[in-house]
Amino acid sequence: MRRIIPLLIALCVALPAAAERKQSFGDLDVHYSVFNSSFLQPDIAAASGLTRSKTQGVVNVAVLKAGKASTAQVSGQVKNLLGQDTPLTFRQISESGAIYYVAQFPFSNREVMTFTLDVRQGEESHRITFNQEIFPDE
């Protein structure tokens, strides 16, 4: 029993890291992840201005230039399998030297969604497209 508890704690810490993705453009790294907003603690959601719901997803983007947090303009959209587009409206959150951008989107069922992120920093503009399966929290 004592060996199981550390294993469970390690798995809980490792799962969010496995869900993060990264795209590099020279010395610019864009880290992004998608998750259900119900995974957020209530106080963290409130402080970030996010709504906790079993049918609200969150896209989180962090931009690093030469390994340091950097500002950017982030926009995008999410598309479901029926081809319905939902624009993503990102807002910047800065805390303790970290800068990240969050946007929420609705979904109703377990489905694979296609995300398109546009990241602009200065004259550079980059597009990232990826698929993510989303699950409503039950």
Protein backbone atom coordinates (compact mmCIF):
# COMPACT_ATOMS: atom_id res chain seq x y z
CA MET A 1 0.00 0.00 0.00
CA ARG A 2 2.83 2.42 0.84
CA ARG A 3 4.36 1.83 -2.59
CA ILE A 4 1.11 2.50 -4.42
CA ILE A 5 0.60 6.01 -3.05
CA PRO A 6 3.90 7.42 -4.44
CA LEU A 7 3.15 5.76 -7.76
CA LEU A 8 -0.28 7.39 -7.94
CA ILE A 9 1.19 10.77 -7.06
CA ALA A 10 3.86 10.37 -9.76
CA LEU A 11 1.22 9.46 -12.35
CA CYS A 12 -0.90 12.49 -11.45
CA VAL A 13 2.11 14.75 -11.89
CA ALA A 14 3.20 13.10 -15.14
CA LEU A 15 -0.16 13.11 -16.94
CA PRO A 16 -0.42 16.89 -17.43
CA ALA A 17 3.16 17.00 -18.73
CA ALA A 18 2.37 14.29 -21.29
CA ALA A 19 -0.52 16.35 -22.65
CA GLU A 20 1.65 19.39 -23.39
CA ARG A 21 2.98 19.91 -26.87
CA LYS A 22 5.72 22.14 -28.26
CA GLN A 23 6.48 23.60 -31.66
CA SER A 24 9.81 25.37 -32.32
CA PHE A 25 10.47 28.11 -34.85
CA GLY A 26 14.17 28.96 -34.56
CA ASP A 27 14.71 30.35 -31.05
CA LEU A 28 10.94 30.72 -30.54
CA ASP A 29 9.23 27.85 -28.69
CA VAL A 30 5.44 27.67 -28.50
CA HIS A 31 4.12 25.34 -25.78
CA TYR A 32 0.42 24.48 -25.93
CA SER A 33 -2.03 22.20 -24.20
CA VAL A 34 -5.77 21.54 -24.19
CA PHE A 35 -7.76 20.27 -21.22
CA ASN A 36 -11.22 20.24 -19.66
CA SER A 37 -11.83 23.31 -17.48
CA SER A 38 -13.27 21.14 -14.71
CA PHE A 39 -9.68 19.97 -14.05
CA LEU A 40 -8.85 23.43 -12.69
CA GLN A 41 -9.09 24.12 -8.98
CA PRO A 42 -11.91 26.61 -8.28
CA ASP A 43 -9.56 29.29 -6.93
CA ILE A 44 -7.21 29.01 -9.91
CA ALA A 45 -10.11 29.18 -12.37
CA ALA A 46 -11.51 32.27 -10.63
CA ALA A 47 -8.12 34.01 -10.54
CA SER A 48 -7.65 33.32 -14.27
CA GLY A 49 -11.17 34.39 -15.19
CA LEU A 50 -12.04 30.93 -16.48
CA THR A 51 -15.34 29.12 -16.13
CA ARG A 52 -15.21 25.61 -14.69
CA SER A 53 -17.59 23.29 -16.53
CA LYS A 54 -17.66 19.68 -17.70
CA THR A 55 -18.33 20.95 -21.24
CA GLN A 56 -15.84 23.84 -21.43
CA GLY A 57 -12.32 23.26 -22.68
CA VAL A 58 -9.24 25.41 -22.19
CA VAL A 59 -6.38 26.07 -24.60
CA ASN A 60 -3.20 27.20 -22.84
CA VAL A 61 -0.30 28.70 -24.85
CA ALA A 62 3.10 29.87 -23.62
CA VAL A 63 5.68 31.54 -25.86
CA LEU A 64 9.39 31.39 -25.05
CA LYS A 65 12.07 33.30 -26.95
CA ALA A 66 15.58 31.97 -26.33
CA GLY A 67 14.22 30.11 -23.28
CA LYS A 68 12.59 33.14 -21.63
CA ALA A 69 8.89 34.00 -21.32
CA SER A 70 7.87 36.34 -24.10
CA THR A 71 4.77 38.24 -25.16
CA ALA A 72 2.98 37.51 -28.42
CA GLN A 73 -0.35 37.94 -30.13
CA VAL A 74 -2.23 34.64 -30.03
CA SER A 75 -5.45 33.89 -31.89
CA GLY A 76 -7.07 30.81 -33.34
CA GLN A 77 -10.07 28.62 -33.87
CA VAL A 78 -11.32 25.16 -33.03
CA LYS A 79 -13.34 22.99 -35.41
CA ASN A 80 -15.43 19.94 -34.55
CA LEU A 81 -15.92 16.91 -36.81
CA LEU A 82 -19.03 18.49 -38.34
CA GLY A 83 -16.88 21.40 -39.54
CA GLN A 84 -18.36 23.93 -37.12
CA ASP A 85 -15.77 26.63 -36.27
CA THR A 86 -15.50 28.39 -32.94
CA PRO A 87 -13.11 31.34 -32.71
CA LEU A 88 -10.69 31.28 -29.78
CA THR A 89 -10.30 34.55 -27.90
CA PHE A 90 -7.07 34.48 -25.94
CA ARG A 91 -6.22 36.64 -22.97
CA GLN A 92 -2.78 37.13 -21.50
CA ILE A 93 -2.04 36.09 -17.93
CA SER A 94 1.23 37.11 -16.26
CA GLU A 95 2.37 35.78 -12.92
CA SER A 96 5.75 35.29 -11.28
CA GLY A 97 7.68 35.94 -14.48
CA ALA A 98 5.56 33.55 -16.54
CA ILE A 99 3.40 34.74 -19.44
CA TYR A 100 0.73 32.56 -20.93
CA TYR A 101 -2.42 32.88 -23.00
CA VAL A 102 -5.71 31.09 -22.32
CA ALA A 103 -8.94 30.71 -24.25
CA GLN A 104 -12.06 28.66 -23.60
CA PHE A 105 -14.29 26.79 -26.01
CA PRO A 106 -17.50 24.79 -25.65
CA PHE A 107 -18.01 21.13 -26.53
CA SER A 108 -20.82 18.72 -25.80
CA ASN A 109 -19.60 15.20 -26.50
CA ARG A 110 -16.44 13.15 -26.62
CA GLU A 111 -14.95 14.16 -29.93
CA VAL A 112 -11.78 14.88 -31.84
CA MET A 113 -11.38 18.60 -32.49
CA THR A 114 -8.98 20.41 -34.81
CA PHE A 115 -7.21 23.44 -33.37
CA THR A 116 -5.51 26.16 -35.38
CA LEU A 117 -3.34 28.60 -33.45
CA ASP A 118 -1.79 31.74 -34.92
CA VAL A 119 1.15 33.10 -32.94
CA ARG A 120 2.57 36.45 -33.94
CA GLN A 121 5.63 38.03 -32.38
CA GLY A 122 6.93 41.17 -34.02
CA GLU A 123 7.15 40.52 -37.76
CA GLU A 124 7.13 36.74 -37.30
CA SER A 125 3.88 34.84 -37.67
CA HIS A 126 3.47 31.10 -37.17
CA ARG A 127 0.53 28.73 -37.52
CA ILE A 128 0.11 25.52 -35.56
CA THR A 129 -2.60 22.98 -36.39
CA PHE A 130 -3.27 19.88 -34.32
CA ASN A 131 -6.03 17.45 -33.33
CA GLN A 132 -7.04 16.69 -29.76
CA GLU A 133 -9.66 14.33 -28.38
CA ILE A 134 -11.83 16.06 -25.78
CA PHE A 135 -13.87 14.34 -23.08
CA PRO A 136 -16.72 15.85 -21.05
CA ASP A 137 -16.09 15.40 -17.33
CA GLU A 138 -18.74 13.17 -15.81
